[in-house]
Amino acid sequence: MTYPEIKEPKQRDQLSDRDEGFRTRVVHVLRMPTAKEMQDYERASTSVVAARRSIETRAFLEPSGALYDKLHISHDGYTGAVPIVHKSAAVSEVIAQLAIEADEDSE
């Protein structure tokens, strides 16, 4: 498995007046979820409500946070706790990676 190259971000003292800000790099190390964990996550993360003339899909962040906490090995780049939206993004990347690997295996 190869990963894209990550360019080092500019440090605060390397910014010019034209730069709008600086970026930091965060790293999440997560284990791959089990099939049971994925099934529980998929059931809890969305809700579909059917009305007379419409269907409403609701997405919840809490299941992403809970799955992240189960899969979490380590993280770097945060001074405090990892925000739930970052946990959700990391879980989404894990799920996307699983889908890619499943597609490669089916070929």
PDB file of N, CA and C in Angstrom:
ATOM      1  N   MET A   1       0.847  -1.165   0.000  1.00  0.00           N
ATOM      2  CA  MET A   1       0.000   0.000   0.000  1.00  0.00           C
ATOM      3  C   MET A   1       0.896   1.233   0.000  1.00  0.00           C
ATOM      4  N   THR A   2       0.638   2.146  -0.895  1.00  0.00           N
ATOM      5  CA  THR A   2       1.419   3.369  -0.943  1.00  0.00           C
ATOM      6  C   THR A   2       0.550   4.541  -0.530  1.00  0.00           C
ATOM      7  N   TYR A   3       1.164   5.497   0.090  1.00  0.00           N
ATOM      8  CA  TYR A   3       0.462   6.680   0.562  1.00  0.00           C
ATOM      9  C   TYR A   3       0.959   7.894  -0.212  1.00  0.00           C
ATOM     10  N   PRO A   4       0.077   8.885  -0.417  1.00  0.00           N
ATOM     11  CA  PRO A   4       0.522  10.077  -1.133  1.00  0.00           C
ATOM     12  C   PRO A   4       1.573  10.827  -0.329  1.00  0.00           C
ATOM     13  N   GLU A   5       2.470  11.482  -1.045  1.00  0.00           N
ATOM     14  CA  GLU A   5       3.514  12.250  -0.389  1.00  0.00           C
ATOM     15  C   GLU A   5       2.896  13.470   0.292  1.00  0.00           C
ATOM     16  N   ILE A   6       3.307  13.725   1.502  1.00  0.00           N
ATOM     17  CA  ILE A   6       2.813  14.888   2.241  1.00  0.00           C
ATOM     18  C   ILE A   6       3.922  15.922   2.264  1.00  0.00           C
ATOM     19  N   LYS A   7       3.637  17.073   1.728  1.00  0.00           N
ATOM     20  CA  LYS A   7       4.615  18.146   1.743  1.00  0.00           C
ATOM     21  C   LYS A   7       4.601  18.802   3.114  1.00  0.00           C
ATOM     22  N   GLU A   8       5.771  19.151   3.565  1.00  0.00           N
ATOM     23  CA  GLU A   8       5.858  19.803   4.862  1.00  0.00           C
ATOM     24  C   GLU A   8       5.224  21.189   4.773  1.00  0.00           C
ATOM     25  N   PRO A   9       4.341  21.514   5.702  1.00  0.00           N
ATOM     26  CA  PRO A   9       3.712  22.836   5.670  1.00  0.00           C
ATOM     27  C   PRO A   9       4.701  23.912   6.095  1.00  0.00           C
ATOM     28  N   LYS A  10       4.406  25.131   5.698  1.00  0.00           N
ATOM     29  CA  LYS A  10       5.238  26.258   6.113  1.00  0.00           C
ATOM     30  C   LYS A  10       5.074  26.468   7.612  1.00  0.00           C
ATOM     31  N   GLN A  11       6.157  26.765   8.227  1.00  0.00           N
ATOM     32  CA  GLN A  11       6.104  27.085   9.648  1.00  0.00           C
ATOM     33  C   GLN A  11       5.756  28.562   9.801  1.00  0.00           C
ATOM     34  N   ARG A  12       5.291  28.917  10.952  1.00  0.00           N
ATOM     35  CA  ARG A  12       4.845  30.289  11.204  1.00  0.00           C
ATOM     36  C   ARG A  12       5.921  31.304  10.845  1.00  0.00           C
ATOM     37  N   ASP A  13       7.182  31.026  11.131  1.00  0.00           N
ATOM     38  CA  ASP A  13       8.253  31.997  10.860  1.00  0.00           C
ATOM     39  C   ASP A  13       8.652  32.029   9.380  1.00  0.00           C
ATOM     40  N   GLN A  14       8.111  31.130   8.546  1.00  0.00           N
ATOM     41  CA  GLN A  14       8.422  31.110   7.115  1.00  0.00           C
ATOM     42  C   GLN A  14       7.349  31.803   6.283  1.00  0.00           C
ATOM     43  N   LEU A  15       6.302  32.295   6.893  1.00  0.00           N
ATOM     44  CA  LEU A  15       5.200  32.906   6.158  1.00  0.00           C
ATOM     45  C   LEU A  15       5.552  34.319   5.724  1.00  0.00           C
ATOM     46  N   SER A  16       5.079  34.678   4.557  1.00  0.00           N
ATOM     47  CA  SER A  16       5.241  36.058   4.107  1.00  0.00           C
ATOM     48  C   SER A  16       3.939  36.805   4.363  1.00  0.00           C
ATOM     49  N   ASP A  17       3.933  38.093   4.084  1.00  0.00           N
ATOM     50  CA  ASP A  17       2.727  38.900   4.283  1.00  0.00           C
ATOM     51  C   ASP A  17       1.603  38.452   3.361  1.00  0.00           C
ATOM     52  N   ARG A  18       1.923  37.798   2.258  1.00  0.00           N
ATOM     53  CA  ARG A  18       0.903  37.363   1.307  1.00  0.00           C
ATOM     54  C   ARG A  18       0.221  36.067   1.724  1.00  0.00           C
ATOM     55  N   ASP A  19       0.861  35.315   2.567  1.00  0.00           N
ATOM     56  CA  ASP A  19       0.259  34.064   3.028  1.00  0.00           C
ATOM     57  C   ASP A  19      -0.917  34.370   3.943  1.00  0.00           C
ATOM     58  N   GLU A  20      -1.969  33.593   3.771  1.00  0.00           N
ATOM     59  CA  GLU A  20      -3.177  33.826   4.554  1.00  0.00           C
ATOM     60  C   GLU A  20      -3.110  33.176   5.927  1.00  0.00           C
ATOM     61  N   GLY A  21      -2.232  32.275   6.128  1.00  0.00           N
ATOM     62  CA  GLY A  21      -2.143  31.594   7.402  1.00  0.00           C
ATOM     63  C   GLY A  21      -1.131  30.480   7.309  1.00  0.00           C
ATOM     64  N   PHE A  22      -1.170  29.615   8.253  1.00  0.00           N
ATOM     65  CA  PHE A  22      -0.260  28.484   8.199  1.00  0.00           C
ATOM     66  C   PHE A  22      -1.049  27.210   8.453  1.00  0.00           C
ATOM     67  N   ARG A  23      -0.503  26.122   7.975  1.00  0.00           N
ATOM     68  CA  ARG A  23      -1.153  24.830   8.141  1.00  0.00           C
ATOM     69  C   ARG A  23      -0.322  23.980   9.075  1.00  0.00           C
ATOM     70  N   THR A  24      -1.003  23.161   9.813  1.00  0.00           N
ATOM     71  CA  THR A  24      -0.308  22.172  10.626  1.00  0.00           C
ATOM     72  C   THR A  24      -0.747  20.800  10.155  1.00  0.00           C
ATOM     73  N   ARG A  25       0.028  19.832  10.434  1.00  0.00           N
ATOM     74  CA  ARG A  25      -0.285  18.473  10.026  1.00  0.00           C
ATOM     75  C   ARG A  25      -0.697  17.675  11.259  1.00  0.00           C
ATOM     76  N   VAL A  26      -1.792  16.982  11.124  1.00  0.00           N
ATOM     77  CA  VAL A  26      -2.233  16.088  12.191  1.00  0.00           C
ATOM     78  C   VAL A  26      -2.178  14.665  11.661  1.00  0.00           C
ATOM     79  N   VAL A  27      -1.930  13.739  12.554  1.00  0.00           N
ATOM     80  CA  VAL A  27      -1.805  12.341  12.178  1.00  0.00           C
ATOM     81  C   VAL A  27      -2.685  11.513  13.115  1.00  0.00           C
ATOM     82  N   HIS A  28      -3.460  10.625  12.515  1.00  0.00           N
ATOM     83  CA  HIS A  28      -4.281   9.681  13.276  1.00  0.00           C
ATOM     84  C   HIS A  28      -3.816   8.281  12.919  1.00  0.00           C
ATOM     85  N   VAL A  29      -3.575   7.455  13.904  1.00  0.00           N
ATOM     86  CA  VAL A  29      -3.244   6.054  13.670  1.00  0.00           C
ATOM     87  C   VAL A  29      -4.402   5.246  14.252  1.00  0.00           C
ATOM     88  N   LEU A  30      -5.122   4.567  13.352  1.00  0.00           N
ATOM     89  CA  LEU A  30      -6.287   3.780  13.746  1.00  0.00           C
ATOM     90  C   LEU A  30      -6.113   2.355  13.233  1.00  0.00           C
ATOM     91  N   ARG A  31      -6.649   1.418  13.955  1.00  0.00           N
ATOM     92  CA  ARG A  31      -6.667   0.040  13.451  1.00  0.00           C
ATOM     93  C   ARG A  31      -7.889  -0.097  12.540  1.00  0.00           C
ATOM     94  N   MET A  32      -7.891  -1.118  11.726  1.00  0.00           N
ATOM     95  CA  MET A  32      -9.041  -1.366  10.866  1.00  0.00           C
ATOM     96  C   MET A  32     -10.180  -1.942  11.710  1.00  0.00           C
ATOM     97  N   PRO A  33     -11.412  -1.530  11.435  1.00  0.00           N
ATOM     98  CA  PRO A  33     -12.546  -2.028  12.218  1.00  0.00           C
ATOM     99  C   PRO A  33     -12.905  -3.463  11.840  1.00  0.00           C
ATOM    100  N   THR A  34     -13.521  -4.147  12.773  1.00  0.00           N
ATOM    101  CA  THR A  34     -14.037  -5.485  12.495  1.00  0.00           C
ATOM    102  C   THR A  34     -15.349  -5.346  11.728  1.00  0.00           C
ATOM    103  N   ALA A  35     -15.814  -6.437  11.170  1.00  0.00           N
ATOM    104  CA  ALA A  35     -17.092  -6.413  10.439  1.00  0.00           C
ATOM    105  C   ALA A  35     -18.233  -6.024  11.379  1.00  0.00           C
ATOM    106  N   LYS A  36     -18.201  -6.508  12.603  1.00  0.00           N
ATOM    107  CA  LYS A  36     -19.239  -6.188  13.588  1.00  0.00           C
ATOM    108  C   LYS A  36     -19.221  -4.693  13.920  1.00  0.00           C
ATOM    109  N   GLU A  37     -18.027  -4.131  14.109  1.00  0.00           N
ATOM    110  CA  GLU A  37     -17.919  -2.692  14.398  1.00  0.00           C
ATOM    111  C   GLU A  37     -18.454  -1.860  13.230  1.00  0.00           C
ATOM    112  N   MET A  38     -18.154  -2.280  12.010  1.00  0.00           N
ATOM    113  CA  MET A  38     -18.667  -1.564  10.837  1.00  0.00           C
ATOM    114  C   MET A  38     -20.186  -1.652  10.763  1.00  0.00           C
ATOM    115  N   GLN A  39     -20.723  -2.818  11.016  1.00  0.00           N
ATOM    116  CA  GLN A  39     -22.165  -3.003  10.981  1.00  0.00           C
ATOM    117  C   GLN A  39     -22.849  -2.140  12.035  1.00  0.00           C
ATOM    118  N   ASP A  40     -22.323  -2.127  13.245  1.00  0.00           N
ATOM    119  CA  ASP A  40     -22.897  -1.297  14.313  1.00  0.00           C
ATOM    120  C   ASP A  40     -22.809   0.184  13.960  1.00  0.00           C
ATOM    121  N   TYR A  41     -21.665   0.597  13.395  1.00  0.00           N
ATOM    122  CA  TYR A  41     -21.480   1.991  13.003  1.00  0.00           C
ATOM    123  C   TYR A  41     -22.481   2.387  11.921  1.00  0.00           C
ATOM    124  N   GLU A  42     -22.615   1.562  10.900  1.00  0.00           N
ATOM    125  CA  GLU A  42     -23.526   1.885   9.798  1.00  0.00           C
ATOM    126  C   GLU A  42     -24.966   2.000  10.273  1.00  0.00           C
ATOM    127  N   ARG A  43     -25.357   1.159  11.198  1.00  0.00           N
ATOM    128  CA  ARG A  43     -26.724   1.226  11.735  1.00  0.00           C
ATOM    129  C   ARG A  43     -26.948   2.488  12.558  1.00  0.00           C
ATOM    130  N   ALA A  44     -25.942   2.888  13.323  1.00  0.00           N
ATOM    131  CA  ALA A  44     -26.105   4.019  14.244  1.00  0.00           C
ATOM    132  C   ALA A  44     -25.847   5.378  13.601  1.00  0.00           C
ATOM    133  N   SER A  45     -25.100   5.417  12.500  1.00  0.00           N
ATOM    134  CA  SER A  45     -24.645   6.705  11.967  1.00  0.00           C
ATOM    135  C   SER A  45     -25.688   7.446  11.143  1.00  0.00           C
ATOM    136  N   THR A  46     -26.674   6.754  10.616  1.00  0.00           N
ATOM    137  CA  THR A  46     -27.699   7.435   9.826  1.00  0.00           C
ATOM    138  C   THR A  46     -29.084   6.948  10.215  1.00  0.00           C
ATOM    139  N   SER A  47     -30.042   7.813   9.947  1.00  0.00           N
ATOM    140  CA  SER A  47     -31.442   7.481  10.195  1.00  0.00           C
ATOM    141  C   SER A  47     -32.243   7.986   9.008  1.00  0.00           C
ATOM    142  N   VAL A  48     -33.125   7.162   8.495  1.00  0.00           N
ATOM    143  CA  VAL A  48     -33.969   7.542   7.370  1.00  0.00           C
ATOM    144  C   VAL A  48     -35.400   7.642   7.877  1.00  0.00           C
ATOM    145  N   VAL A  49     -35.995   8.813   7.658  1.00  0.00           N
ATOM    146  CA  VAL A  49     -37.367   9.057   8.085  1.00  0.00           C
ATOM    147  C   VAL A  49     -38.192   9.319   6.831  1.00  0.00           C
ATOM    148  N   ALA A  50     -39.176   8.469   6.596  1.00  0.00           N
ATOM    149  CA  ALA A  50     -40.030   8.628   5.417  1.00  0.00           C
ATOM    150  C   ALA A  50     -41.303   9.359   5.828  1.00  0.00           C
ATOM    151  N   ALA A  51     -41.612  10.412   5.093  1.00  0.00           N
ATOM    152  CA  ALA A  51     -42.863  11.143   5.285  1.00  0.00           C
ATOM    153  C   ALA A  51     -43.728  10.899   4.055  1.00  0.00           C
ATOM    154  N   ARG A  52     -44.842  11.583   3.995  1.00  0.00           N
ATOM    155  CA  ARG A  52     -45.770  11.362   2.892  1.00  0.00           C
ATOM    156  C   ARG A  52     -45.151  11.606   1.516  1.00  0.00           C
ATOM    157  N   ARG A  53     -44.481  12.717   1.360  1.00  0.00           N
ATOM    158  CA  ARG A  53     -43.923  13.082   0.043  1.00  0.00           C
ATOM    159  C   ARG A  53     -42.415  13.292   0.050  1.00  0.00           C
ATOM    160  N   SER A  54     -41.771  12.895   1.087  1.00  0.00           N
ATOM    161  CA  SER A  54     -40.329  13.103   1.137  1.00  0.00           C
ATOM    162  C   SER A  54     -39.666  12.040   2.003  1.00  0.00           C
ATOM    163  N   ILE A  55     -38.373  11.960   1.853  1.00  0.00           N
ATOM    164  CA  ILE A  55     -37.555  11.081   2.682  1.00  0.00           C
ATOM    165  C   ILE A  55     -36.447  11.936   3.261  1.00  0.00           C
ATOM    166  N   GLU A  56     -36.271  11.859   4.550  1.00  0.00           N
ATOM    167  CA  GLU A  56     -35.242  12.639   5.231  1.00  0.00           C
ATOM    168  C   GLU A  56     -34.185  11.691   5.771  1.00  0.00           C
ATOM    169  N   THR A  57     -32.935  11.973   5.423  1.00  0.00           N
ATOM    170  CA  THR A  57     -31.822  11.192   5.933  1.00  0.00           C
ATOM    171  C   THR A  57     -31.056  12.041   6.934  1.00  0.00           C
ATOM    172  N   ARG A  58     -30.857  11.525   8.110  1.00  0.00           N
ATOM    173  CA  ARG A  58     -30.121  12.240   9.154  1.00  0.00           C
ATOM    174  C   ARG A  58     -28.817  11.507   9.431  1.00  0.00           C
ATOM    175  N   ALA A  59     -27.753  12.278   9.520  1.00  0.00           N
ATOM    176  CA  ALA A  59     -26.436  11.714   9.827  1.00  0.00           C
ATOM    177  C   ALA A  59     -26.014  12.208  11.211  1.00  0.00           C
ATOM    178  N   PHE A  60     -25.430  11.324  11.984  1.00  0.00           N
ATOM    179  CA  PHE A  60     -25.033  11.648  13.350  1.00  0.00           C
ATOM    180  C   PHE A  60     -23.524  11.526  13.509  1.00  0.00           C
ATOM    181  N   LEU A  61     -22.913  12.453  14.233  1.00  0.00           N
ATOM    182  CA  LEU A  61     -21.472  12.430  14.464  1.00  0.00           C
ATOM    183  C   LEU A  61     -21.069  11.498  15.609  1.00  0.00           C
ATOM    184  N   GLU A  62     -21.951  11.315  16.569  1.00  0.00           N
ATOM    185  CA  GLU A  62     -21.598  10.548  17.758  1.00  0.00           C
ATOM    186  C   GLU A  62     -21.110   9.123  17.449  1.00  0.00           C
ATOM    187  N   PRO A  63     -21.754   8.399  16.522  1.00  0.00           N
ATOM    188  CA  PRO A  63     -21.224   7.057  16.206  1.00  0.00           C
ATOM    189  C   PRO A  63     -19.812   7.103  15.626  1.00  0.00           C
ATOM    190  N   SER A  64     -19.483   8.153  14.877  1.00  0.00           N
ATOM    191  CA  SER A  64     -18.117   8.293  14.360  1.00  0.00           C
ATOM    192  C   SER A  64     -17.136   8.481  15.507  1.00  0.00           C
ATOM    193  N   GLY A  65     -17.519   9.316  16.467  1.00  0.00           N
ATOM    194  CA  GLY A  65     -16.659   9.534  17.630  1.00  0.00           C
ATOM    195  C   GLY A  65     -16.454   8.258  18.429  1.00  0.00           C
ATOM    196  N   ALA A  66     -17.536   7.492  18.606  1.00  0.00           N
ATOM    197  CA  ALA A  66     -17.443   6.233  19.355  1.00  0.00           C
ATOM    198  C   ALA A  66     -16.567   5.220  18.617  1.00  0.00           C
ATOM    199  N   LEU A  67     -16.733   5.113  17.295  1.00  0.00           N
ATOM    200  CA  LEU A  67     -15.906   4.174  16.522  1.00  0.00           C
ATOM    201  C   LEU A  67     -14.452   4.613  16.534  1.00  0.00           C
ATOM    202  N   TYR A  68     -14.215   5.909  16.402  1.00  0.00           N
ATOM    203  CA  TYR A  68     -12.849   6.438  16.460  1.00  0.00           C
ATOM    204  C   TYR A  68     -12.187   6.031  17.776  1.00  0.00           C
ATOM    205  N   ASP A  69     -12.915   6.211  18.870  1.00  0.00           N
ATOM    206  CA  ASP A  69     -12.357   5.868  20.182  1.00  0.00           C
ATOM    207  C   ASP A  69     -12.019   4.384  20.277  1.00  0.00           C
ATOM    208  N   LYS A  70     -12.797   3.515  19.639  1.00  0.00           N
ATOM    209  CA  LYS A  70     -12.506   2.075  19.642  1.00  0.00           C
ATOM    210  C   LYS A  70     -11.286   1.744  18.787  1.00  0.00           C
ATOM    211  N   LEU A  71     -11.148   2.448  17.658  1.00  0.00           N
ATOM    212  CA  LEU A  71     -10.076   2.138  16.711  1.00  0.00           C
ATOM    213  C   LEU A  71      -8.773   2.861  17.018  1.00  0.00           C
ATOM    214  N   HIS A  72      -8.822   3.878  17.858  1.00  0.00           N
ATOM    215  CA  HIS A  72      -7.701   4.776  18.115  1.00  0.00           C
ATOM    216  C   HIS A  72      -6.490   4.044  18.677  1.00  0.00           C
ATOM    217  N   ILE A  73      -5.355   4.259  18.026  1.00  0.00           N
ATOM    218  CA  ILE A  73      -4.075   3.772  18.528  1.00  0.00           C
ATOM    219  C   ILE A  73      -3.276   4.964  19.039  1.00  0.00           C
ATOM    220  N   SER A  74      -3.163   5.999  18.193  1.00  0.00           N
ATOM    221  CA  SER A  74      -2.459   7.216  18.606  1.00  0.00           C
ATOM    222  C   SER A  74      -2.851   8.361  17.676  1.00  0.00           C
ATOM    223  N   HIS A  75      -2.493   9.559  18.090  1.00  0.00           N
ATOM    224  CA  HIS A  75      -2.681  10.739  17.246  1.00  0.00           C
ATOM    225  C   HIS A  75      -1.595  11.751  17.592  1.00  0.00           C
ATOM    226  N   ASP A  76      -1.370  12.668  16.667  1.00  0.00           N
ATOM    227  CA  ASP A  76      -0.346  13.689  16.875  1.00  0.00           C
ATOM    228  C   ASP A  76      -0.809  14.974  16.204  1.00  0.00           C
ATOM    229  N   GLY A  77      -0.472  16.098  16.791  1.00  0.00           N
ATOM    230  CA  GLY A  77      -0.784  17.382  16.194  1.00  0.00           C
ATOM    231  C   GLY A  77      -1.870  18.157  16.921  1.00  0.00           C
ATOM    232  N   TYR A  78      -2.375  17.625  18.000  1.00  0.00           N
ATOM    233  CA  TYR A  78      -3.410  18.300  18.782  1.00  0.00           C
ATOM    234  C   TYR A  78      -2.851  18.659  20.154  1.00  0.00           C
ATOM    235  N   THR A  79      -3.235  19.824  20.647  1.00  0.00           N
ATOM    236  CA  THR A  79      -2.809  20.199  21.993  1.00  0.00           C
ATOM    237  C   THR A  79      -3.778  19.686  23.046  1.00  0.00           C
ATOM    238  N   GLY A  80      -4.992  19.399  22.632  1.00  0.00           N
ATOM    239  CA  GLY A  80      -5.998  18.866  23.548  1.00  0.00           C
ATOM    240  C   GLY A  80      -6.649  17.645  22.939  1.00  0.00           C
ATOM    241  N   ALA A  81      -7.909  17.468  23.271  1.00  0.00           N
ATOM    242  CA  ALA A  81      -8.669  16.338  22.740  1.00  0.00           C
ATOM    243  C   ALA A  81      -8.924  16.521  21.240  1.00  0.00           C
ATOM    244  N   VAL A  82      -9.082  15.421  20.543  1.00  0.00           N
ATOM    245  CA  VAL A  82      -9.395  15.461  19.110  1.00  0.00           C
ATOM    246  C   VAL A  82     -10.864  15.864  18.959  1.00  0.00           C
ATOM    247  N   PRO A  83     -11.154  16.926  18.181  1.00  0.00           N
ATOM    248  CA  PRO A  83     -12.551  17.333  17.979  1.00  0.00           C
ATOM    249  C   PRO A  83     -13.342  16.242  17.255  1.00  0.00           C
ATOM    250  N   ILE A  84     -14.622  16.153  17.564  1.00  0.00           N
ATOM    251  CA  ILE A  84     -15.449  15.091  16.993  1.00  0.00           C
ATOM    252  C   ILE A  84     -15.521  15.176  15.474  1.00  0.00           C
ATOM    253  N   VAL A  85     -15.466  16.382  14.906  1.00  0.00           N
ATOM    254  CA  VAL A  85     -15.506  16.474  13.436  1.00  0.00           C
ATOM    255  C   VAL A  85     -14.228  15.910  12.827  1.00  0.00           C
ATOM    256  N   HIS A  86     -13.104  16.001  13.534  1.00  0.00           N
ATOM    257  CA  HIS A  86     -11.865  15.399  13.053  1.00  0.00           C
ATOM    258  C   HIS A  86     -11.924  13.881  13.209  1.00  0.00           C
ATOM    259  N   LYS A  87     -12.539  13.417  14.305  1.00  0.00           N
ATOM    260  CA  LYS A  87     -12.737  11.978  14.483  1.00  0.00           C
ATOM    261  C   LYS A  87     -13.595  11.429  13.348  1.00  0.00           C
ATOM    262  N   SER A  88     -14.650  12.165  13.013  1.00  0.00           N
ATOM    263  CA  SER A  88     -15.544  11.742  11.934  1.00  0.00           C
ATOM    264  C   SER A  88     -14.807  11.680  10.605  1.00  0.00           C
ATOM    265  N   ALA A  89     -13.969  12.674  10.332  1.00  0.00           N
ATOM    266  CA  ALA A  89     -13.201  12.686   9.078  1.00  0.00           C
ATOM    267  C   ALA A  89     -12.221  11.515   9.026  1.00  0.00           C
ATOM    268  N   ALA A  90     -11.581  11.210  10.147  1.00  0.00           N
ATOM    269  CA  ALA A  90     -10.637  10.089  10.180  1.00  0.00           C
ATOM    270  C   ALA A  90     -11.364   8.766   9.953  1.00  0.00           C
ATOM    271  N   VAL A  91     -12.531   8.602  10.575  1.00  0.00           N
ATOM    272  CA  VAL A  91     -13.317   7.389  10.377  1.00  0.00           C
ATOM    273  C   VAL A  91     -13.764   7.280   8.925  1.00  0.00           C
ATOM    274  N   SER A  92     -14.157   8.396   8.326  1.00  0.00           N
ATOM    275  CA  SER A  92     -14.559   8.387   6.916  1.00  0.00           C
ATOM    276  C   SER A  92     -13.420   7.926   6.019  1.00  0.00           C
ATOM    277  N   GLU A  93     -12.205   8.340   6.332  1.00  0.00           N
ATOM    278  CA  GLU A  93     -11.042   7.906   5.555  1.00  0.00           C
ATOM    279  C   GLU A  93     -10.800   6.406   5.714  1.00  0.00           C
ATOM    280  N   VAL A  94     -10.980   5.888   6.918  1.00  0.00           N
ATOM    281  CA  VAL A  94     -10.821   4.450   7.135  1.00  0.00           C
ATOM    282  C   VAL A  94     -11.845   3.682   6.304  1.00  0.00           C
ATOM    283  N   ILE A  95     -13.091   4.148   6.324  1.00  0.00           N
ATOM    284  CA  ILE A  95     -14.160   3.493   5.566  1.00  0.00           C
ATOM    285  C   ILE A  95     -13.871   3.561   4.070  1.00  0.00           C
ATOM    286  N   ALA A  96     -13.388   4.704   3.599  1.00  0.00           N
ATOM    287  CA  ALA A  96     -13.040   4.844   2.182  1.00  0.00           C
ATOM    288  C   ALA A  96     -11.907   3.891   1.814  1.00  0.00           C
ATOM    289  N   GLN A  97     -10.930   3.749   2.692  1.00  0.00           N
ATOM    290  CA  GLN A  97      -9.816   2.835   2.428  1.00  0.00           C
ATOM    291  C   GLN A  97     -10.312   1.395   2.362  1.00  0.00           C
ATOM    292  N   LEU A  98     -11.238   1.028   3.247  1.00  0.00           N
ATOM    293  CA  LEU A  98     -11.809  -0.312   3.205  1.00  0.00           C
ATOM    294  C   LEU A  98     -12.540  -0.563   1.892  1.00  0.00           C
ATOM    295  N   ALA A  99     -13.266   0.433   1.395  1.00  0.00           N
ATOM    296  CA  ALA A  99     -13.979   0.301   0.119  1.00  0.00           C
ATOM    297  C   ALA A  99     -13.001   0.121  -1.031  1.00  0.00           C
ATOM    298  N   ILE A 100     -11.900   0.868  -1.017  1.00  0.00           N
ATOM    299  CA  ILE A 100     -10.893   0.747  -2.068  1.00  0.00           C
ATOM    300  C   ILE A 100     -10.282  -0.660  -2.056  1.00  0.00           C
ATOM    301  N   GLU A 101      -9.944  -1.141  -0.862  1.00  0.00           N
ATOM    302  CA  GLU A 101      -9.354  -2.467  -0.758  1.00  0.00           C
ATOM    303  C   GLU A 101     -10.352  -3.552  -1.186  1.00  0.00           C
ATOM    304  N   ALA A 102     -11.628  -3.371  -0.869  1.00  0.00           N
ATOM    305  CA  ALA A 102     -12.644  -4.344  -1.302  1.00  0.00           C
ATOM    306  C   ALA A 102     -12.776  -4.365  -2.822  1.00  0.00           C
ATOM    307  N   ASP A 103     -12.693  -3.172  -3.448  1.00  0.00           N
ATOM    308  CA  ASP A 103     -12.746  -3.106  -4.911  1.00  0.00           C
ATOM    309  C   ASP A 103     -11.538  -3.780  -5.541  1.00  0.00           C
ATOM    310  N   GLU A 104     -10.373  -3.579  -4.956  1.00  0.00           N
ATOM    311  CA  GLU A 104      -9.157  -4.192  -5.492  1.00  0.00           C
ATOM    312  C   GLU A 104      -9.200  -5.710  -5.348  1.00  0.00           C
ATOM    313  N   ASP A 105      -9.758  -6.186  -4.243  1.00  0.00           N
ATOM    314  CA  ASP A 105      -9.848  -7.623  -4.031  1.00  0.00           C
ATOM    315  C   ASP A 105     -10.828  -8.296  -4.988  1.00  0.00           C
ATOM    316  N   SER A 106     -11.871  -7.565  -5.401  1.00  0.00           N
ATOM    317  CA  SER A 106     -12.870  -8.150  -6.292  1.00  0.00           C
ATOM    318  C   SER A 106     -12.400  -8.220  -7.742  1.00  0.00           C
ATOM    319  N   GLU A 107     -11.315  -7.551  -8.070  1.00  0.00           N
ATOM    320  CA  GLU A 107     -10.814  -7.556  -9.462  1.00  0.00           C
ATOM    321  C   GLU A 107      -9.976  -8.754  -9.753  1.00  0.00           C
TER     322      GLU A 107
END
